[in-house]
Amino acid sequence: MLVVGFIQWWYGAGWRDAGSRLLERMHETYQNFSVPILFKTLFAPWRRIITPPGSSLEQRSKAVLDNAISRTVGFCVRLMAILAAGLLLGLYVVIGGLLLVLWPVIPLLGPSLIVWGLV
């Protein structure tokens, strides 16, 4: 009776639960990295570091350079975070998808490895 219950769970609720956990993990990763916010603020200054322009030409040119550097740093950091999120989500798709595809044959691996070891 226990074996029948396990088989019913494995090929029914267990398989659906594995798929829903994979989707939930992907959604949490997407939200934790705040991907939509990263895209919206991609060209924003890093940590809102902005140099206000002064009255002289030298102060204004220094402010433009400082602000350009701040935006470049912000762009690089946000782009790396977006790429890390994409890489992690890609790994979830590949590894989780492979797990879901191989899910039906996983219970057969134990007995087949035992038989293979004896032969």
N, C-alpha and C. Protein backbone atom coordinates (compact mmCIF):
# COMPACT_ATOMS: atom_id res chain seq x y z
N MET A 1 0.82 -1.19 0.00
CA MET A 1 0.00 0.00 0.00
C MET A 1 0.87 1.26 0.00
N LEU A 2 1.98 1.20 0.71
CA LEU A 2 2.87 2.35 0.77
C LEU A 2 3.49 2.63 -0.60
N VAL A 3 3.85 1.58 -1.32
CA VAL A 3 4.46 1.74 -2.64
C VAL A 3 3.45 2.36 -3.61
N VAL A 4 2.21 1.91 -3.55
CA VAL A 4 1.17 2.45 -4.43
C VAL A 4 0.93 3.93 -4.11
N GLY A 5 0.91 4.29 -2.83
CA GLY A 5 0.74 5.68 -2.44
C GLY A 5 1.88 6.55 -2.92
N PHE A 6 3.09 6.01 -2.82
CA PHE A 6 4.25 6.76 -3.30
C PHE A 6 4.17 6.99 -4.81
N ILE A 7 3.82 5.95 -5.56
CA ILE A 7 3.73 6.07 -7.01
C ILE A 7 2.65 7.07 -7.40
N GLN A 8 1.51 7.02 -6.72
CA GLN A 8 0.43 7.98 -7.00
C GLN A 8 0.90 9.41 -6.71
N TRP A 9 1.60 9.60 -5.59
CA TRP A 9 2.08 10.94 -5.25
C TRP A 9 3.16 11.39 -6.24
N TRP A 10 4.11 10.49 -6.56
CA TRP A 10 5.25 10.86 -7.40
C TRP A 10 4.80 11.30 -8.79
N TYR A 11 3.89 10.56 -9.37
CA TYR A 11 3.45 10.88 -10.73
C TYR A 11 2.25 11.81 -10.76
N GLY A 12 1.81 12.28 -9.62
CA GLY A 12 0.68 13.20 -9.56
C GLY A 12 1.07 14.49 -8.85
N ALA A 13 0.75 14.54 -7.57
CA ALA A 13 0.96 15.77 -6.79
C ALA A 13 2.44 16.13 -6.65
N GLY A 14 3.30 15.14 -6.55
CA GLY A 14 4.73 15.42 -6.41
C GLY A 14 5.30 16.12 -7.63
N TRP A 15 4.90 15.67 -8.80
CA TRP A 15 5.37 16.26 -10.05
C TRP A 15 4.86 17.68 -10.20
N ARG A 16 3.57 17.90 -9.90
CA ARG A 16 3.01 19.25 -9.96
C ARG A 16 3.68 20.16 -8.93
N ASP A 17 3.94 19.63 -7.75
CA ASP A 17 4.58 20.42 -6.70
C ASP A 17 6.00 20.81 -7.10
N ALA A 18 6.73 19.92 -7.73
CA ALA A 18 8.09 20.25 -8.19
C ALA A 18 8.05 21.36 -9.23
N GLY A 19 7.08 21.30 -10.13
CA GLY A 19 6.94 22.35 -11.14
C GLY A 19 6.55 23.69 -10.52
N SER A 20 5.63 23.66 -9.57
CA SER A 20 5.21 24.93 -8.94
C SER A 20 6.33 25.51 -8.08
N ARG A 21 7.14 24.67 -7.43
CA ARG A 21 8.27 25.19 -6.66
C ARG A 21 9.32 25.81 -7.57
N LEU A 22 9.53 25.22 -8.74
CA LEU A 22 10.47 25.79 -9.70
C LEU A 22 9.99 27.17 -10.16
N LEU A 23 8.71 27.28 -10.50
CA LEU A 23 8.16 28.57 -10.91
C LEU A 23 8.22 29.59 -9.78
N GLU A 24 7.94 29.15 -8.57
CA GLU A 24 8.00 30.06 -7.42
C GLU A 24 9.43 30.54 -7.17
N ARG A 25 10.39 29.64 -7.28
CA ARG A 25 11.80 30.02 -7.09
C ARG A 25 12.24 31.02 -8.16
N MET A 26 11.79 30.81 -9.40
CA MET A 26 12.14 31.74 -10.48
C MET A 26 11.50 33.11 -10.23
N HIS A 27 10.25 33.12 -9.77
CA HIS A 27 9.56 34.39 -9.49
C HIS A 27 10.24 35.12 -8.34
N GLU A 28 10.63 34.40 -7.29
CA GLU A 28 11.32 35.03 -6.16
C GLU A 28 12.66 35.61 -6.60
N THR A 29 13.39 34.91 -7.43
CA THR A 29 14.67 35.42 -7.92
C THR A 29 14.46 36.68 -8.74
N TYR A 30 13.44 36.68 -9.60
CA TYR A 30 13.12 37.84 -10.43
C TYR A 30 12.76 39.03 -9.54
N GLN A 31 12.00 38.79 -8.49
CA GLN A 31 11.60 39.87 -7.59
C GLN A 31 12.76 40.32 -6.70
N ASN A 32 13.58 39.38 -6.23
CA ASN A 32 14.69 39.76 -5.35
C ASN A 32 15.74 40.60 -6.08
N PHE A 33 15.95 40.31 -7.35
CA PHE A 33 16.88 41.13 -8.12
C PHE A 33 16.23 42.43 -8.58
N SER A 34 14.92 42.55 -8.45
CA SER A 34 14.17 43.74 -8.87
C SER A 34 14.47 44.09 -10.32
N VAL A 35 14.33 43.13 -11.18
CA VAL A 35 14.68 43.30 -12.59
C VAL A 35 13.93 44.45 -13.25
N PRO A 36 12.62 44.60 -13.05
CA PRO A 36 11.94 45.75 -13.68
C PRO A 36 12.50 47.10 -13.21
N ILE A 37 12.81 47.20 -11.94
CA ILE A 37 13.37 48.45 -11.40
C ILE A 37 14.77 48.69 -11.97
N LEU A 38 15.55 47.62 -12.10
CA LEU A 38 16.88 47.77 -12.68
C LEU A 38 16.82 48.28 -14.11
N PHE A 39 15.85 47.79 -14.88
CA PHE A 39 15.71 48.28 -16.25
C PHE A 39 15.24 49.73 -16.29
N LYS A 40 14.34 50.10 -15.37
CA LYS A 40 13.84 51.47 -15.35
C LYS A 40 14.92 52.47 -14.97
N THR A 41 15.83 52.06 -14.10
CA THR A 41 16.85 52.98 -13.59
C THR A 41 18.23 52.67 -14.17
N LEU A 42 18.28 52.03 -15.32
CA LEU A 42 19.55 51.58 -15.89
C LEU A 42 20.54 52.72 -16.09
N PHE A 43 20.05 53.88 -16.51
CA PHE A 43 20.94 55.01 -16.77
C PHE A 43 20.92 56.05 -15.66
N ALA A 44 20.39 55.68 -14.50
CA ALA A 44 20.35 56.62 -13.38
C ALA A 44 21.74 56.69 -12.73
N PRO A 45 22.03 57.79 -12.05
CA PRO A 45 23.34 57.90 -11.37
C PRO A 45 23.47 56.86 -10.26
N TRP A 46 24.69 56.46 -10.01
CA TRP A 46 24.96 55.48 -8.96
C TRP A 46 24.68 56.11 -7.60
N ARG A 47 23.85 55.49 -6.83
CA ARG A 47 23.46 55.93 -5.48
C ARG A 47 23.04 57.40 -5.44
N ARG A 48 22.49 57.87 -6.53
CA ARG A 48 22.00 59.25 -6.65
C ARG A 48 23.09 60.29 -6.38
N ILE A 49 24.31 59.93 -6.70
CA ILE A 49 25.42 60.87 -6.52
C ILE A 49 25.42 61.82 -7.71
N ILE A 50 25.01 63.03 -7.46
CA ILE A 50 24.92 64.04 -8.51
C ILE A 50 25.67 65.28 -8.04
N THR A 51 26.51 65.80 -8.89
CA THR A 51 27.23 67.04 -8.60
C THR A 51 26.45 68.20 -9.23
N PRO A 52 25.99 69.13 -8.41
CA PRO A 52 25.25 70.26 -9.00
C PRO A 52 26.20 71.18 -9.76
N PRO A 53 25.74 71.71 -10.89
CA PRO A 53 26.62 72.60 -11.65
C PRO A 53 26.80 73.93 -10.92
N GLY A 54 28.00 74.42 -10.97
CA GLY A 54 28.30 75.71 -10.34
C GLY A 54 28.05 76.85 -11.31
N SER A 55 28.59 77.99 -10.98
CA SER A 55 28.36 79.17 -11.82
C SER A 55 29.44 79.34 -12.89
N SER A 56 30.62 78.84 -12.63
CA SER A 56 31.69 79.02 -13.61
C SER A 56 31.71 77.85 -14.60
N LEU A 57 32.38 78.07 -15.70
CA LEU A 57 32.48 77.05 -16.74
C LEU A 57 33.26 75.83 -16.23
N GLU A 58 34.28 76.07 -15.44
CA GLU A 58 35.08 74.97 -14.90
C GLU A 58 34.25 74.10 -13.97
N GLN A 59 33.43 74.71 -13.11
CA GLN A 59 32.58 73.95 -12.19
C GLN A 59 31.51 73.17 -12.97
N ARG A 60 30.99 73.76 -14.01
CA ARG A 60 29.98 73.07 -14.81
C ARG A 60 30.58 71.87 -15.55
N SER A 61 31.76 72.05 -16.12
CA SER A 61 32.39 70.94 -16.83
C SER A 61 32.78 69.83 -15.86
N LYS A 62 33.21 70.19 -14.65
CA LYS A 62 33.52 69.18 -13.63
C LYS A 62 32.26 68.44 -13.21
N ALA A 63 31.14 69.15 -13.09
CA ALA A 63 29.87 68.53 -12.72
C ALA A 63 29.41 67.57 -13.81
N VAL A 64 29.57 67.96 -15.08
CA VAL A 64 29.18 67.09 -16.19
C VAL A 64 30.01 65.82 -16.16
N LEU A 65 31.31 65.95 -15.94
CA LEU A 65 32.19 64.78 -15.89
C LEU A 65 31.85 63.88 -14.69
N ASP A 66 31.65 64.48 -13.52
CA ASP A 66 31.29 63.70 -12.33
C ASP A 66 29.98 62.96 -12.54
N ASN A 67 28.98 63.63 -13.09
CA ASN A 67 27.68 63.01 -13.32
C ASN A 67 27.76 61.90 -14.37
N ALA A 68 28.59 62.11 -15.38
CA ALA A 68 28.76 61.07 -16.41
C ALA A 68 29.42 59.83 -15.80
N ILE A 69 30.41 60.04 -14.95
CA ILE A 69 31.07 58.91 -14.28
C ILE A 69 30.08 58.20 -13.36
N SER A 70 29.28 58.95 -12.63
CA SER A 70 28.29 58.36 -11.73
C SER A 70 27.27 57.53 -12.51
N ARG A 71 26.83 58.04 -13.65
CA ARG A 71 25.88 57.29 -14.48
C ARG A 71 26.52 56.06 -15.10
N THR A 72 27.79 56.16 -15.46
CA THR A 72 28.49 55.01 -16.03
C THR A 72 28.64 53.90 -14.99
N VAL A 73 29.01 54.28 -13.78
CA VAL A 73 29.13 53.29 -12.71
C VAL A 73 27.76 52.67 -12.42
N GLY A 74 26.72 53.49 -12.35
CA GLY A 74 25.38 52.97 -12.12
C GLY A 74 24.94 52.02 -13.21
N PHE A 75 25.24 52.37 -14.46
CA PHE A 75 24.90 51.50 -15.59
C PHE A 75 25.62 50.16 -15.48
N CYS A 76 26.91 50.19 -15.19
CA CYS A 76 27.69 48.95 -15.10
C CYS A 76 27.20 48.04 -13.97
N VAL A 77 26.95 48.62 -12.82
CA VAL A 77 26.49 47.82 -11.68
C VAL A 77 25.12 47.22 -11.96
N ARG A 78 24.21 48.03 -12.49
CA ARG A 78 22.87 47.53 -12.78
C ARG A 78 22.89 46.49 -13.89
N LEU A 79 23.73 46.70 -14.89
CA LEU A 79 23.83 45.72 -15.97
C LEU A 79 24.37 44.39 -15.45
N MET A 80 25.34 44.43 -14.56
CA MET A 80 25.86 43.19 -13.97
C MET A 80 24.78 42.48 -13.15
N ALA A 81 23.98 43.24 -12.42
CA ALA A 81 22.89 42.63 -11.65
C ALA A 81 21.86 42.01 -12.57
N ILE A 82 21.54 42.66 -13.68
CA ILE A 82 20.58 42.11 -14.64
C ILE A 82 21.15 40.84 -15.27
N LEU A 83 22.42 40.86 -15.62
CA LEU A 83 23.05 39.67 -16.20
C LEU A 83 23.10 38.52 -15.20
N ALA A 84 23.38 38.83 -13.93
CA ALA A 84 23.39 37.78 -12.90
C ALA A 84 22.00 37.18 -12.73
N ALA A 85 20.97 38.02 -12.73
CA ALA A 85 19.60 37.52 -12.62
C ALA A 85 19.26 36.66 -13.83
N GLY A 86 19.65 37.10 -15.02
CA GLY A 86 19.39 36.31 -16.22
C GLY A 86 20.11 34.98 -16.20
N LEU A 87 21.35 34.98 -15.74
CA LEU A 87 22.11 33.74 -15.64
C LEU A 87 21.46 32.78 -14.66
N LEU A 88 21.06 33.30 -13.51
CA LEU A 88 20.42 32.46 -12.50
C LEU A 88 19.09 31.92 -13.00
N LEU A 89 18.30 32.76 -13.64
CA LEU A 89 17.02 32.30 -14.20
C LEU A 89 17.25 31.28 -15.31
N GLY A 90 18.29 31.48 -16.11
CA GLY A 90 18.61 30.50 -17.15
C GLY A 90 19.01 29.15 -16.56
N LEU A 91 19.77 29.18 -15.47
CA LEU A 91 20.13 27.92 -14.80
C LEU A 91 18.90 27.23 -14.24
N TYR A 92 17.98 28.02 -13.68
CA TYR A 92 16.73 27.43 -13.19
C TYR A 92 15.96 26.77 -14.31
N VAL A 93 15.89 27.42 -15.46
CA VAL A 93 15.16 26.86 -16.59
C VAL A 93 15.81 25.56 -17.05
N VAL A 94 17.13 25.56 -17.21
CA VAL A 94 17.82 24.38 -17.72
C VAL A 94 17.78 23.23 -16.71
N ILE A 95 18.24 23.50 -15.49
CA ILE A 95 18.33 22.43 -14.50
C ILE A 95 16.95 22.01 -14.02
N GLY A 96 16.08 22.99 -13.75
CA GLY A 96 14.72 22.65 -13.30
C GLY A 96 13.92 21.98 -14.40
N GLY A 97 14.09 22.46 -15.64
CA GLY A 97 13.39 21.82 -16.75
C GLY A 97 13.86 20.39 -16.96
N LEU A 98 15.17 20.17 -16.83
CA LEU A 98 15.71 18.82 -16.95
C LEU A 98 15.18 17.93 -15.84
N LEU A 99 15.10 18.46 -14.64
CA LEU A 99 14.55 17.69 -13.52
C LEU A 99 13.10 17.32 -13.78
N LEU A 100 12.32 18.26 -14.28
CA LEU A 100 10.91 17.97 -14.55
C LEU A 100 10.74 16.96 -15.68
N VAL A 101 11.63 17.02 -16.68
CA VAL A 101 11.55 16.06 -17.78
C VAL A 101 11.96 14.66 -17.31
N LEU A 102 12.98 14.61 -16.46
CA LEU A 102 13.47 13.31 -15.97
C LEU A 102 12.71 12.81 -14.75
N TRP A 103 11.78 13.59 -14.23
CA TRP A 103 11.04 13.23 -13.02
C TRP A 103 10.42 11.82 -13.09
N PRO A 104 9.82 11.42 -14.20
CA PRO A 104 9.20 10.09 -14.22
C PRO A 104 10.19 8.94 -14.10
N VAL A 105 11.43 9.11 -14.53
CA VAL A 105 12.38 7.99 -14.51
C VAL A 105 13.25 7.98 -13.26
N ILE A 106 13.18 8.99 -12.43
CA ILE A 106 14.03 9.04 -11.23
C ILE A 106 13.77 7.85 -10.29
N PRO A 107 12.51 7.44 -10.03
CA PRO A 107 12.33 6.28 -9.15
C PRO A 107 12.91 4.98 -9.72
N LEU A 108 13.07 4.92 -11.02
CA LEU A 108 13.61 3.70 -11.64
C LEU A 108 15.12 3.64 -11.54
N LEU A 109 15.76 4.75 -11.21
CA LEU A 109 17.22 4.78 -11.14
C LEU A 109 17.77 3.92 -10.01
N GLY A 110 17.11 3.94 -8.85
CA GLY A 110 17.60 3.16 -7.71
C GLY A 110 17.68 1.67 -8.01
N PRO A 111 16.58 1.04 -8.37
CA PRO A 111 16.65 -0.40 -8.68
C PRO A 111 17.56 -0.73 -9.87
N SER A 112 17.56 0.16 -10.89
CA SER A 112 18.40 -0.13 -12.06
C SER A 112 19.89 -0.02 -11.70
N LEU A 113 20.27 0.89 -10.84
CA LEU A 113 21.67 0.99 -10.42
C LEU A 113 22.08 -0.19 -9.57
N ILE A 114 21.14 -0.72 -8.77
CA ILE A 114 21.45 -1.90 -7.96
C ILE A 114 21.68 -3.10 -8.88
N VAL A 115 20.79 -3.27 -9.86
CA VAL A 115 20.94 -4.38 -10.81
C VAL A 115 22.23 -4.22 -11.61
N TRP A 116 22.52 -3.01 -12.05
CA TRP A 116 23.74 -2.76 -12.82
C TRP A 116 24.98 -3.04 -11.99
N GLY A 117 24.94 -2.74 -10.69
CA GLY A 117 26.06 -3.02 -9.81
C GLY A 117 26.28 -4.50 -9.58
N LEU A 118 25.20 -5.27 -9.59
CA LEU A 118 25.32 -6.71 -9.39
C LEU A 118 25.79 -7.43 -10.66
N VAL A 119 25.54 -6.84 -11.78
CA VAL A 119 25.92 -7.49 -13.06
C VAL A 119 27.32 -7.20 -13.40
